Amino acid sequence: ASIEYDEPIALLHPNGDPQQKNIPFIVVWLVLGALFFTIRL
């Protein structure tokens, strides 16, 4: 079963800080470079 919240709820760390899913710059740097080289060659 599932229970649908009345409004979306931010997932929290145990200390109350909101959990985040970031897009790290280093990953973007490496993957965009790889994509560019793939198309260019």
Full PDB file with SEQRES, HELIX, SHEET, SSBOND, CRYST1, ORIGX, SCALE, CONECT and MASTER records, all heavy atoms in Angstrom:
SEQRES   1 A   41  ALA SER ILE GLU TYR ASP GLU PRO ILE ALA LEU LEU HIS          
SEQRES   2 A   41  PRO ASN GLY ASP PRO GLN GLN LYS ASN ILE PRO PHE ILE          
SEQRES   3 A   41  VAL VAL TRP LEU VAL LEU GLY ALA LEU PHE PHE THR ILE          
SEQRES   4 A   41  ARG LEU                                                      
HELIX    1 AA1 PHE A   25  ARG A   40  1                                  16    
CRYST1    1.000    1.000    1.000  90.00  90.00  90.00 P 1           1          
ORIGX1      1.000000  0.000000  0.000000        0.00000                         
ORIGX2      0.000000  1.000000  0.000000        0.00000                         
ORIGX3      0.000000  0.000000  1.000000        0.00000                         
SCALE1      1.000000  0.000000  0.000000        0.00000                         
SCALE2      0.000000  1.000000  0.000000        0.00000                         
SCALE3      0.000000  0.000000  1.000000        0.00000                         
ATOM      1  N   ALA A   1       0.853  -1.194   0.000  1.00  0.00           N  
ATOM      2  CA  ALA A   1       0.000   0.000   0.000  1.00  0.00           C  
ATOM      3  C   ALA A   1       0.881   1.234   0.000  1.00  0.00           C  
ATOM      4  O   ALA A   1       2.099   1.156   0.240  1.00  0.00           O  
ATOM      5  CB  ALA A   1      -0.923   0.011   1.216  1.00  0.00           C  
ATOM      6  N   SER A   2       0.266   2.368  -0.285  1.00  0.00           N  
ATOM      7  CA  SER A   2       0.979   3.645  -0.162  1.00  0.00           C  
ATOM      8  C   SER A   2       0.048   4.676   0.448  1.00  0.00           C  
ATOM      9  O   SER A   2      -1.190   4.545   0.359  1.00  0.00           O  
ATOM     10  CB  SER A   2       1.481   4.126  -1.527  1.00  0.00           C  
ATOM     11  OG  SER A   2       0.405   4.495  -2.359  1.00  0.00           O  
ATOM     12  N   ILE A   3       0.654   5.685   1.053  1.00  0.00           N  
ATOM     13  CA  ILE A   3      -0.120   6.778   1.645  1.00  0.00           C  
ATOM     14  C   ILE A   3       0.347   8.071   0.992  1.00  0.00           C  
ATOM     15  O   ILE A   3       1.516   8.456   1.119  1.00  0.00           O  
ATOM     16  CB  ILE A   3       0.071   6.836   3.171  1.00  0.00           C  
ATOM     17  CG1 ILE A   3      -0.450   5.537   3.805  1.00  0.00           C  
ATOM     18  CG2 ILE A   3      -0.638   8.050   3.760  1.00  0.00           C  
ATOM     19  CD1 ILE A   3      -0.159   5.404   5.279  1.00  0.00           C  
ATOM     20  N   GLU A   4      -0.570   8.716   0.266  1.00  0.00           N  
ATOM     21  CA  GLU A   4      -0.230   9.954  -0.439  1.00  0.00           C  
ATOM     22  C   GLU A   4      -0.349  11.137   0.506  1.00  0.00           C  
ATOM     23  O   GLU A   4      -1.401  11.380   1.094  1.00  0.00           O  
ATOM     24  CB  GLU A   4      -1.160  10.142  -1.635  1.00  0.00           C  
ATOM     25  CG  GLU A   4      -0.824  11.356  -2.475  1.00  0.00           C  
ATOM     26  CD  GLU A   4      -1.773  11.529  -3.646  1.00  0.00           C  
ATOM     27  OE1 GLU A   4      -2.525  10.575  -3.943  1.00  0.00           O  
ATOM     28  OE2 GLU A   4      -1.764  12.608  -4.255  1.00  0.00           O  
ATOM     29  N   TYR A   5       0.741  11.874   0.642  1.00  0.00           N  
ATOM     30  CA  TYR A   5       0.730  13.046   1.517  1.00  0.00           C  
ATOM     31  C   TYR A   5      -0.202  14.115   0.948  1.00  0.00           C  
ATOM     32  O   TYR A   5      -0.394  14.215  -0.266  1.00  0.00           O  
ATOM     33  CB  TYR A   5       2.135  13.650   1.645  1.00  0.00           C  
ATOM     34  CG  TYR A   5       3.172  12.732   2.253  1.00  0.00           C  
ATOM     35  CD1 TYR A   5       4.387  12.521   1.615  1.00  0.00           C  
ATOM     36  CD2 TYR A   5       2.949  12.098   3.462  1.00  0.00           C  
ATOM     37  CE1 TYR A   5       5.359  11.699   2.167  1.00  0.00           C  
ATOM     38  CE2 TYR A   5       3.904  11.265   4.022  1.00  0.00           C  
ATOM     39  CZ  TYR A   5       5.109  11.063   3.368  1.00  0.00           C  
ATOM     40  OH  TYR A   5       6.066  10.246   3.911  1.00  0.00           O  
ATOM     41  N   ASP A   6      -0.755  14.945   1.841  1.00  0.00           N  
ATOM     42  CA  ASP A   6      -1.578  16.069   1.387  1.00  0.00           C  
ATOM     43  C   ASP A   6      -0.726  17.053   0.593  1.00  0.00           C  
ATOM     44  O   ASP A   6      -1.188  17.632  -0.389  1.00  0.00           O  
ATOM     45  CB  ASP A   6      -2.217  16.779   2.590  1.00  0.00           C  
ATOM     46  CG  ASP A   6      -3.175  15.853   3.340  1.00  0.00           C  
ATOM     47  OD1 ASP A   6      -3.798  14.998   2.679  1.00  0.00           O  
ATOM     48  OD2 ASP A   6      -3.281  15.975   4.569  1.00  0.00           O  
ATOM     49  N   GLU A   7       0.549  17.230   1.000  1.00  0.00           N  
ATOM     50  CA  GLU A   7       1.525  18.039   0.271  1.00  0.00           C  
ATOM     51  C   GLU A   7       2.860  17.317   0.320  1.00  0.00           C  
ATOM     52  O   GLU A   7       3.161  16.631   1.302  1.00  0.00           O  
ATOM     53  CB  GLU A   7       1.673  19.432   0.907  1.00  0.00           C  
ATOM     54  CG  GLU A   7       0.457  20.324   0.726  1.00  0.00           C  
ATOM     55  CD  GLU A   7       0.689  21.717   1.291  1.00  0.00           C  
ATOM     56  OE1 GLU A   7       1.821  21.987   1.758  1.00  0.00           O  
ATOM     57  OE2 GLU A   7      -0.252  22.518   1.272  1.00  0.00           O  
ATOM     58  N   PRO A   8       3.688  17.446  -0.749  1.00  0.00           N  
ATOM     59  CA  PRO A   8       5.003  16.777  -0.726  1.00  0.00           C  
ATOM     60  C   PRO A   8       5.806  17.180   0.506  1.00  0.00           C  
ATOM     61  O   PRO A   8       5.785  18.337   0.932  1.00  0.00           O  
ATOM     62  CB  PRO A   8       5.675  17.279  -2.012  1.00  0.00           C  
ATOM     63  CG  PRO A   8       4.538  17.637  -2.909  1.00  0.00           C  
ATOM     64  CD  PRO A   8       3.462  18.173  -2.009  1.00  0.00           C  
ATOM     65  N   ILE A   9       6.524  16.223   1.066  1.00  0.00           N  
ATOM     66  CA  ILE A   9       7.290  16.452   2.288  1.00  0.00           C  
ATOM     67  C   ILE A   9       8.776  16.274   1.995  1.00  0.00           C  
ATOM     68  O   ILE A   9       9.183  15.291   1.362  1.00  0.00           O  
ATOM     69  CB  ILE A   9       6.853  15.464   3.397  1.00  0.00           C  
ATOM     70  CG1 ILE A   9       5.392  15.737   3.783  1.00  0.00           C  
ATOM     71  CG2 ILE A   9       7.756  15.560   4.613  1.00  0.00           C  
ATOM     72  CD1 ILE A   9       4.833  14.748   4.787  1.00  0.00           C  
ATOM     73  N   ALA A  10       9.577  17.233   2.441  1.00  0.00           N  
ATOM     74  CA  ALA A  10      11.027  17.142   2.244  1.00  0.00           C  
ATOM     75  C   ALA A  10      11.585  16.030   3.126  1.00  0.00           C  
ATOM     76  O   ALA A  10      11.258  15.944   4.315  1.00  0.00           O  
ATOM     77  CB  ALA A  10      11.690  18.465   2.596  1.00  0.00           C  
ATOM     78  N   LEU A  11      12.411  15.166   2.542  1.00  0.00           N  
ATOM     79  CA  LEU A  11      13.057  14.119   3.319  1.00  0.00           C  
ATOM     80  C   LEU A  11      14.195  14.743   4.122  1.00  0.00           C  
ATOM     81  O   LEU A  11      14.928  15.604   3.622  1.00  0.00           O  
ATOM     82  CB  LEU A  11      13.592  13.024   2.409  1.00  0.00           C  
ATOM     83  CG  LEU A  11      12.547  12.281   1.572  1.00  0.00           C  
ATOM     84  CD1 LEU A  11      13.215  11.229   0.698  1.00  0.00           C  
ATOM     85  CD2 LEU A  11      11.507  11.627   2.462  1.00  0.00           C  
ATOM     86  N   LEU A  12      14.346  14.316   5.354  1.00  0.00           N  
ATOM     87  CA  LEU A  12      15.291  14.948   6.272  1.00  0.00           C  
ATOM     88  C   LEU A  12      16.371  13.984   6.737  1.00  0.00           C  
ATOM     89  O   LEU A  12      16.152  12.778   6.825  1.00  0.00           O  
ATOM     90  CB  LEU A  12      14.547  15.499   7.496  1.00  0.00           C  
ATOM     91  CG  LEU A  12      13.393  16.464   7.241  1.00  0.00           C  
ATOM     92  CD1 LEU A  12      12.721  16.828   8.557  1.00  0.00           C  
ATOM     93  CD2 LEU A  12      13.870  17.721   6.520  1.00  0.00           C  
ATOM     94  N   HIS A  13      17.535  14.544   7.051  1.00  0.00           N  
ATOM     95  CA  HIS A  13      18.564  13.801   7.764  1.00  0.00           C  
ATOM     96  C   HIS A  13      18.123  13.669   9.218  1.00  0.00           C  
ATOM     97  O   HIS A  13      17.241  14.411   9.669  1.00  0.00           O  
ATOM     98  CB  HIS A  13      19.900  14.542   7.689  1.00  0.00           C  
ATOM     99  CG  HIS A  13      20.534  14.527   6.339  1.00  0.00           C  
ATOM    100  ND1 HIS A  13      21.138  13.410   5.811  1.00  0.00           N  
ATOM    101  CD2 HIS A  13      20.666  15.506   5.394  1.00  0.00           C  
ATOM    102  CE1 HIS A  13      21.609  13.687   4.605  1.00  0.00           C  
ATOM    103  NE2 HIS A  13      21.331  14.943   4.322  1.00  0.00           N  
ATOM    104  N   PRO A  14      18.738  12.757   9.991  1.00  0.00           N  
ATOM    105  CA  PRO A  14      18.358  12.621  11.401  1.00  0.00           C  
ATOM    106  C   PRO A  14      18.404  13.934  12.187  1.00  0.00           C  
ATOM    107  O   PRO A  14      17.627  14.140  13.114  1.00  0.00           O  
ATOM    108  CB  PRO A  14      19.390  11.617  11.943  1.00  0.00           C  
ATOM    109  CG  PRO A  14      19.710  10.768  10.752  1.00  0.00           C  
ATOM    110  CD  PRO A  14      19.690  11.707   9.579  1.00  0.00           C  
ATOM    111  N   ASN A  15      19.306  14.859  11.823  1.00  0.00           N  
ATOM    112  CA  ASN A  15      19.416  16.121  12.576  1.00  0.00           C  
ATOM    113  C   ASN A  15      18.431  17.177  12.099  1.00  0.00           C  
ATOM    114  O   ASN A  15      18.446  18.316  12.580  1.00  0.00           O  
ATOM    115  CB  ASN A  15      20.840  16.681  12.496  1.00  0.00           C  
ATOM    116  CG  ASN A  15      21.137  17.327  11.155  1.00  0.00           C  
ATOM    117  OD1 ASN A  15      20.553  16.966  10.138  1.00  0.00           O  
ATOM    118  ND2 ASN A  15      22.051  18.278  11.146  1.00  0.00           N  
ATOM    119  N   GLY A  16      17.590  16.824  11.112  1.00  0.00           N  
ATOM    120  CA  GLY A  16      16.570  17.765  10.655  1.00  0.00           C  
ATOM    121  C   GLY A  16      16.926  18.518   9.391  1.00  0.00           C  
ATOM    122  O   GLY A  16      16.067  19.189   8.810  1.00  0.00           O  
ATOM    123  N   ASP A  17      18.163  18.436   8.926  1.00  0.00           N  
ATOM    124  CA  ASP A  17      18.543  19.093   7.674  1.00  0.00           C  
ATOM    125  C   ASP A  17      17.885  18.369   6.497  1.00  0.00           C  
ATOM    126  O   ASP A  17      17.793  17.141   6.498  1.00  0.00           O  
ATOM    127  CB  ASP A  17      20.062  19.064   7.471  1.00  0.00           C  
ATOM    128  CG  ASP A  17      20.798  19.984   8.422  1.00  0.00           C  
ATOM    129  OD1 ASP A  17      20.139  20.858   9.027  1.00  0.00           O  
ATOM    130  OD2 ASP A  17      22.032  19.834   8.567  1.00  0.00           O  
ATOM    131  N   PRO A  18      17.420  19.114   5.480  1.00  0.00           N  
ATOM    132  CA  PRO A  18      16.807  18.446   4.320  1.00  0.00           C  
ATOM    133  C   PRO A  18      17.830  17.653   3.515  1.00  0.00           C  
ATOM    134  O   PRO A  18      18.972  18.092   3.347  1.00  0.00           O  
ATOM    135  CB  PRO A  18      16.246  19.616   3.498  1.00  0.00           C  
ATOM    136  CG  PRO A  18      17.022  20.819   3.931  1.00  0.00           C  
ATOM    137  CD  PRO A  18      17.383  20.580   5.375  1.00  0.00           C  
ATOM    138  N   GLN A  19      17.428  16.485   3.035  1.00  0.00           N  
ATOM    139  CA  GLN A  19      18.286  15.696   2.158  1.00  0.00           C  
ATOM    140  C   GLN A  19      18.331  16.330   0.772  1.00  0.00           C  
ATOM    141  O   GLN A  19      17.328  16.875   0.304  1.00  0.00           O  
ATOM    142  CB  GLN A  19      17.765  14.262   2.038  1.00  0.00           C  
ATOM    143  CG  GLN A  19      17.855  13.454   3.310  1.00  0.00           C  
ATOM    144  CD  GLN A  19      17.430  12.015   3.106  1.00  0.00           C  
ATOM    145  OE1 GLN A  19      17.519  11.485   2.003  1.00  0.00           O  
ATOM    146  NE2 GLN A  19      16.962  11.368   4.155  1.00  0.00           N  
ATOM    147  N   GLN A  20      19.514  16.255   0.128  1.00  0.00           N  
ATOM    148  CA  GLN A  20      19.661  16.845  -1.197  1.00  0.00           C  
ATOM    149  C   GLN A  20      20.297  15.846  -2.160  1.00  0.00           C  
ATOM    150  O   GLN A  20      21.125  15.036  -1.767  1.00  0.00           O  
ATOM    151  CB  GLN A  20      20.523  18.111  -1.134  1.00  0.00           C  
ATOM    152  CG  GLN A  20      19.896  19.231  -0.323  1.00  0.00           C  
ATOM    153  CD  GLN A  20      20.686  20.533  -0.424  1.00  0.00           C  
ATOM    154  OE1 GLN A  20      21.810  20.555  -0.916  1.00  0.00           O  
ATOM    155  NE2 GLN A  20      20.096  21.618   0.024  1.00  0.00           N  
ATOM    156  N   LYS A  21      19.871  15.910  -3.409  1.00  0.00           N  
ATOM    157  CA  LYS A  21      20.491  15.134  -4.485  1.00  0.00           C  
ATOM    158  C   LYS A  21      21.110  16.133  -5.452  1.00  0.00           C  
ATOM    159  O   LYS A  21      20.427  16.733  -6.282  1.00  0.00           O  
ATOM    160  CB  LYS A  21      19.447  14.267  -5.210  1.00  0.00           C  
ATOM    161  CG  LYS A  21      18.890  13.126  -4.385  1.00  0.00           C  
ATOM    162  CD  LYS A  21      19.892  11.999  -4.235  1.00  0.00           C  
ATOM    163  CE  LYS A  21      19.246  10.811  -3.523  1.00  0.00           C  
ATOM    164  NZ  LYS A  21      20.179   9.692  -3.354  1.00  0.00           N  
ATOM    165  N   ASN A  22      22.405  16.356  -5.312  1.00  0.00           N  
ATOM    166  CA  ASN A  22      23.082  17.352  -6.126  1.00  0.00           C  
ATOM    167  C   ASN A  22      23.635  16.745  -7.410  1.00  0.00           C  
ATOM    168  O   ASN A  22      23.793  15.536  -7.536  1.00  0.00           O  
ATOM    169  CB  ASN A  22      24.220  17.995  -5.327  1.00  0.00           C  
ATOM    170  CG  ASN A  22      23.709  18.822  -4.164  1.00  0.00           C  
ATOM    171  OD1 ASN A  22      22.884  19.708  -4.347  1.00  0.00           O  
ATOM    172  ND2 ASN A  22      24.183  18.525  -2.966  1.00  0.00           N  
ATOM    173  N   ILE A  23      23.929  17.623  -8.370  1.00  0.00           N  
ATOM    174  CA  ILE A  23      24.590  17.226  -9.616  1.00  0.00           C  
ATOM    175  C   ILE A  23      26.014  17.771  -9.536  1.00  0.00           C  
ATOM    176  O   ILE A  23      26.244  18.940  -9.837  1.00  0.00           O  
ATOM    177  CB  ILE A  23      23.855  17.795 -10.847  1.00  0.00           C  
ATOM    178  CG1 ILE A  23      22.386  17.360 -10.835  1.00  0.00           C  
ATOM    179  CG2 ILE A  23      24.541  17.352 -12.132  1.00  0.00           C  
ATOM    180  CD1 ILE A  23      21.561  17.937 -11.967  1.00  0.00           C  
ATOM    181  N   PRO A  24      26.980  16.957  -9.084  1.00  0.00           N  
ATOM    182  CA  PRO A  24      28.335  17.472  -8.861  1.00  0.00           C  
ATOM    183  C   PRO A  24      28.980  17.987 -10.140  1.00  0.00           C  
ATOM    184  O   PRO A  24      28.882  17.358 -11.195  1.00  0.00           O  
ATOM    185  CB  PRO A  24      29.100  16.254  -8.309  1.00  0.00           C  
ATOM    186  CG  PRO A  24      28.042  15.310  -7.848  1.00  0.00           C  
ATOM    187  CD  PRO A  24      26.868  15.536  -8.737  1.00  0.00           C  
ATOM    188  N   PHE A  25      29.647  19.124 -10.036  1.00  0.00           N  
ATOM    189  CA  PHE A  25      30.298  19.744 -11.184  1.00  0.00           C  
ATOM    190  C   PHE A  25      31.331  18.806 -11.819  1.00  0.00           C  
ATOM    191  O   PHE A  25      31.445  18.737 -13.040  1.00  0.00           O  
ATOM    192  CB  PHE A  25      30.972  21.051 -10.755  1.00  0.00           C  
ATOM    193  CG  PHE A  25      31.778  21.692 -11.847  1.00  0.00           C  
ATOM    194  CD1 PHE A  25      31.156  22.216 -12.967  1.00  0.00           C  
ATOM    195  CD2 PHE A  25      33.163  21.761 -11.774  1.00  0.00           C  
ATOM    196  CE1 PHE A  25      31.890  22.804 -13.995  1.00  0.00           C  
ATOM    197  CE2 PHE A  25      33.908  22.336 -12.787  1.00  0.00           C  
ATOM    198  CZ  PHE A  25      33.267  22.871 -13.899  1.00  0.00           C  
ATOM    199  N   ILE A  26      32.081  18.053 -10.988  1.00  0.00           N  
ATOM    200  CA  ILE A  26      33.128  17.181 -11.514  1.00  0.00           C  
ATOM    201  C   ILE A  26      32.532  16.101 -12.414  1.00  0.00           C  
ATOM    202  O   ILE A  26      33.112  15.735 -13.442  1.00  0.00           O  
ATOM    203  CB  ILE A  26      33.951  16.536 -10.357  1.00  0.00           C  
ATOM    204  CG1 ILE A  26      35.108  15.729 -10.919  1.00  0.00           C  
ATOM    205  CG2 ILE A  26      33.077  15.676  -9.466  1.00  0.00           C  
ATOM    206  CD1 ILE A  26      36.148  16.540 -11.630  1.00  0.00           C  
ATOM    207  N   VAL A  27      31.343  15.598 -12.056  1.00  0.00           N  
ATOM    208  CA  VAL A  27      30.695  14.572 -12.877  1.00  0.00           C  
ATOM    209  C   VAL A  27      30.216  15.185 -14.189  1.00  0.00           C  
ATOM    210  O   VAL A  27      30.375  14.595 -15.266  1.00  0.00           O  
ATOM    211  CB  VAL A  27      29.514  13.926 -12.115  1.00  0.00           C  
ATOM    212  CG1 VAL A  27      28.792  12.913 -12.989  1.00  0.00           C  
ATOM    213  CG2 VAL A  27      30.015  13.248 -10.850  1.00  0.00           C  
ATOM    214  N   VAL A  28      29.650  16.377 -14.103  1.00  0.00           N  
ATOM    215  CA  VAL A  28      29.212  17.087 -15.315  1.00  0.00           C  
ATOM    216  C   VAL A  28      30.411  17.339 -16.229  1.00  0.00           C  
ATOM    217  O   VAL A  28      30.343  17.139 -17.446  1.00  0.00           O  
ATOM    218  CB  VAL A  28      28.532  18.424 -14.944  1.00  0.00           C  
ATOM    219  CG1 VAL A  28      28.178  19.221 -16.194  1.00  0.00           C  
ATOM    220  CG2 VAL A  28      27.284  18.174 -14.109  1.00  0.00           C  
ATOM    221  N   TRP A  29      31.521  17.775 -15.640  1.00  0.00           N  
ATOM    222  CA  TRP A  29      32.753  18.076 -16.388  1.00  0.00           C  
ATOM    223  C   TRP A  29      33.242  16.843 -17.150  1.00  0.00           C  
ATOM    224  O   TRP A  29      33.578  16.915 -18.327  1.00  0.00           O  
ATOM    225  CB  TRP A  29      33.798  18.565 -15.395  1.00  0.00           C  
ATOM    226  CG  TRP A  29      35.144  18.919 -15.952  1.00  0.00           C  
ATOM    227  CD1 TRP A  29      36.303  18.223 -15.780  1.00  0.00           C  
ATOM    228  CD2 TRP A  29      35.491  20.058 -16.746  1.00  0.00           C  
ATOM    229  NE1 TRP A  29      37.354  18.857 -16.412  1.00  0.00           N  
ATOM    230  CE2 TRP A  29      36.888  19.989 -17.009  1.00  0.00           C  
ATOM    231  CE3 TRP A  29      34.771  21.130 -17.257  1.00  0.00           C  
ATOM    232  CZ2 TRP A  29      37.554  20.942 -17.767  1.00  0.00           C  
ATOM    233  CZ3 TRP A  29      35.438  22.085 -18.003  1.00  0.00           C  
ATOM    234  CH2 TRP A  29      36.809  21.987 -18.259  1.00  0.00           C  
ATOM    235  N   LEU A  30      33.273  15.695 -16.470  1.00  0.00           N  
ATOM    236  CA  LEU A  30      33.771  14.463 -17.083  1.00  0.00           C  
ATOM    237  C   LEU A  30      32.805  13.911 -18.141  1.00  0.00           C  
ATOM    238  O   LEU A  30      33.220  13.518 -19.230  1.00  0.00           O  
ATOM    239  CB  LEU A  30      34.013  13.403 -16.008  1.00  0.00           C  
ATOM    240  CG  LEU A  30      35.233  13.624 -15.106  1.00  0.00           C  
ATOM    241  CD1 LEU A  30      35.177  12.713 -13.885  1.00  0.00           C  
ATOM    242  CD2 LEU A  30      36.522  13.378 -15.873  1.00  0.00           C  
ATOM    243  N   VAL A  31      31.514  13.893 -17.817  1.00  0.00           N  
ATOM    244  CA  VAL A  31      30.531  13.295 -18.733  1.00  0.00           C  
ATOM    245  C   VAL A  31      30.316  14.171 -19.966  1.00  0.00           C  
ATOM    246  O   VAL A  31      30.234  13.660 -21.085  1.00  0.00           O  
ATOM    247  CB  VAL A  31      29.197  13.033 -17.999  1.00  0.00           C  
ATOM    248  CG1 VAL A  31      28.124  12.588 -18.983  1.00  0.00           C  
ATOM    249  CG2 VAL A  31      29.385  11.978 -16.919  1.00  0.00           C  
ATOM    250  N   LEU A  32      30.242  15.498 -19.789  1.00  0.00           N  
ATOM    251  CA  LEU A  32      30.079  16.381 -20.950  1.00  0.00           C  
ATOM    252  C   LEU A  32      31.302  16.308 -21.862  1.00  0.00           C  
ATOM    253  O   LEU A  32      31.176  16.339 -23.088  1.00  0.00           O  
ATOM    254  CB  LEU A  32      29.840  17.823 -20.500  1.00  0.00           C  
ATOM    255  CG  LEU A  32      28.445  18.143 -19.953  1.00  0.00           C  
ATOM    256  CD1 LEU A  32      28.326  19.626 -19.635  1.00  0.00           C  
ATOM    257  CD2 LEU A  32      27.353  17.730 -20.930  1.00  0.00           C  
ATOM    258  N   GLY A  33      32.489  16.204 -21.255  1.00  0.00           N  
ATOM    259  CA  GLY A  33      33.703  16.038 -22.048  1.00  0.00           C  
ATOM    260  C   GLY A  33      33.644  14.759 -22.861  1.00  0.00           C  
ATOM    261  O   GLY A  33      33.929  14.748 -24.065  1.00  0.00           O  
ATOM    262  N   ALA A  34      33.235  13.665 -22.210  1.00  0.00           N  
ATOM    263  CA  ALA A  34      33.138  12.368 -22.896  1.00  0.00           C  
ATOM    264  C   ALA A  34      32.104  12.410 -24.018  1.00  0.00           C  
ATOM    265  O   ALA A  34      32.316  11.859 -25.106  1.00  0.00           O  
ATOM    266  CB  ALA A  34      32.776  11.281 -21.889  1.00  0.00           C  
ATOM    267  N   LEU A  35      30.973  13.076 -23.773  1.00  0.00           N  
ATOM    268  CA  LEU A  35      29.928  13.196 -24.788  1.00  0.00           C  
ATOM    269  C   LEU A  35      30.429  14.006 -25.988  1.00  0.00           C  
ATOM    270  O   LEU A  35      30.200  13.636 -27.154  1.00  0.00           O  
ATOM    271  CB  LEU A  35      28.688  13.858 -24.180  1.00  0.00           C  
ATOM    272  CG  LEU A  35      27.487  14.056 -25.110  1.00  0.00           C  
ATOM    273  CD1 LEU A  35      26.974  12.716 -25.627  1.00  0.00           C  
ATOM    274  CD2 LEU A  35      26.372  14.809 -24.388  1.00  0.00           C  
ATOM    275  N   PHE A  36      31.140  15.102 -25.705  1.00  0.00           N  
ATOM    276  CA  PHE A  36      31.686  15.945 -26.775  1.00  0.00           C  
ATOM    277  C   PHE A  36      32.687  15.168 -27.631  1.00  0.00           C  
ATOM    278  O   PHE A  36      32.621  15.199 -28.866  1.00  0.00           O  
ATOM    279  CB  PHE A  36      32.357  17.185 -26.176  1.00  0.00           C  
ATOM    280  CG  PHE A  36      33.106  18.015 -27.175  1.00  0.00           C  
ATOM    281  CD1 PHE A  36      32.426  18.840 -28.053  1.00  0.00           C  
ATOM    282  CD2 PHE A  36      34.490  17.960 -27.249  1.00  0.00           C  
ATOM    283  CE1 PHE A  36      33.110  19.610 -29.000  1.00  0.00           C  
ATOM    284  CE2 PHE A  36      35.190  18.718 -28.181  1.00  0.00           C  
ATOM    285  CZ  PHE A  36      34.491  19.550 -29.062  1.00  0.00           C  
ATOM    286  N   PHE A  37      33.607  14.440 -26.982  1.00  0.00           N  
ATOM    287  CA  PHE A  37      34.616  13.682 -27.734  1.00  0.00           C  
ATOM    288  C   PHE A  37      33.962  12.564 -28.557  1.00  0.00           C  
ATOM    289  O   PHE A  37      34.409  12.258 -29.672  1.00  0.00           O  
ATOM    290  CB  PHE A  37      35.667  13.100 -26.786  1.00  0.00           C  
ATOM    291  CG  PHE A  37      36.404  14.133 -25.982  1.00  0.00           C  
ATOM    292  CD1 PHE A  37      36.676  13.928 -24.628  1.00  0.00           C  
ATOM    293  CD2 PHE A  37      36.818  15.323 -26.561  1.00  0.00           C  
ATOM    294  CE1 PHE A  37      37.349  14.880 -23.887  1.00  0.00           C  
ATOM    295  CE2 PHE A  37      37.499  16.284 -25.823  1.00  0.00           C  
ATOM    296  CZ  PHE A  37      37.755  16.066 -24.483  1.00  0.00           C  
ATOM    297  N   THR A  38      32.913  11.958 -28.005  1.00  0.00           N  
ATOM    298  CA  THR A  38      32.206  10.887 -28.716  1.00  0.00           C  
ATOM    299  C   THR A  38      31.595  11.411 -30.014  1.00  0.00           C  
ATOM    300  O   THR A  38      31.746  10.806 -31.083  1.00  0.00           O  
ATOM    301  CB  THR A  38      31.098  10.288 -27.827  1.00  0.00           C  
ATOM    302  OG1 THR A  38      31.702   9.724 -26.651  1.00  0.00           O  
ATOM    303  CG2 THR A  38      30.326   9.201 -28.558  1.00  0.00           C  
ATOM    304  N   ILE A  39      30.918  12.555 -29.934  1.00  0.00           N  
ATOM    305  CA  ILE A  39      30.263  13.137 -31.114  1.00  0.00           C  
ATOM    306  C   ILE A  39      31.316  13.673 -32.093  1.00  0.00           C  
ATOM    307  O   ILE A  39      31.219  13.461 -33.311  1.00  0.00           O  
ATOM    308  CB  ILE A  39      29.287  14.254 -30.690  1.00  0.00           C  
ATOM    309  CG1 ILE A  39      28.147  13.659 -29.852  1.00  0.00           C  
ATOM    310  CG2 ILE A  39      28.733  14.985 -31.909  1.00  0.00           C  
ATOM    311  CD1 ILE A  39      27.249  14.685 -29.197  1.00  0.00           C  
ATOM    312  N   ARG A  40      32.332  14.359 -31.542  1.00  0.00           N  
ATOM    313  CA  ARG A  40      33.365  14.982 -32.391  1.00  0.00           C  
ATOM    314  C   ARG A  40      34.137  13.942 -33.211  1.00  0.00           C  
ATOM    315  O   ARG A  40      34.543  14.215 -34.350  1.00  0.00           O  
ATOM    316  CB  ARG A  40      34.322  15.772 -31.492  1.00  0.00           C  
ATOM    317  CG  ARG A  40      35.439  16.507 -32.218  1.00  0.00           C  
ATOM    318  CD  ARG A  40      34.908  17.665 -33.043  1.00  0.00           C  
ATOM    319  NE  ARG A  40      35.978  18.456 -33.615  1.00  0.00           N  
ATOM    320  CZ  ARG A  40      36.707  18.120 -34.670  1.00  0.00           C  
ATOM    321  NH1 ARG A  40      36.468  16.970 -35.291  1.00  0.00           N  
ATOM    322  NH2 ARG A  40      37.666  18.923 -35.121  1.00  0.00           N  
ATOM    323  N   LEU A  41      34.327  12.745 -32.661  1.00  0.00           N  
ATOM    324  CA  LEU A  41      35.092  11.703 -33.355  1.00  0.00           C  
ATOM    325  C   LEU A  41      34.187  10.669 -34.028  1.00  0.00           C  
ATOM    326  O   LEU A  41      34.636   9.572 -34.375  1.00  0.00           O  
ATOM    327  CB  LEU A  41      36.050  11.007 -32.384  1.00  0.00           C  
ATOM    328  CG  LEU A  41      37.143  11.908 -31.785  1.00  0.00           C  
ATOM    329  CD1 LEU A  41      37.986  11.132 -30.785  1.00  0.00           C  
ATOM    330  CD2 LEU A  41      38.034  12.498 -32.878  1.00  0.00           C  
TER     331      LEU A  41                                                      
MASTER        0    0    0    1    0    0    0    6  330    1    0    4          
END                                                                             
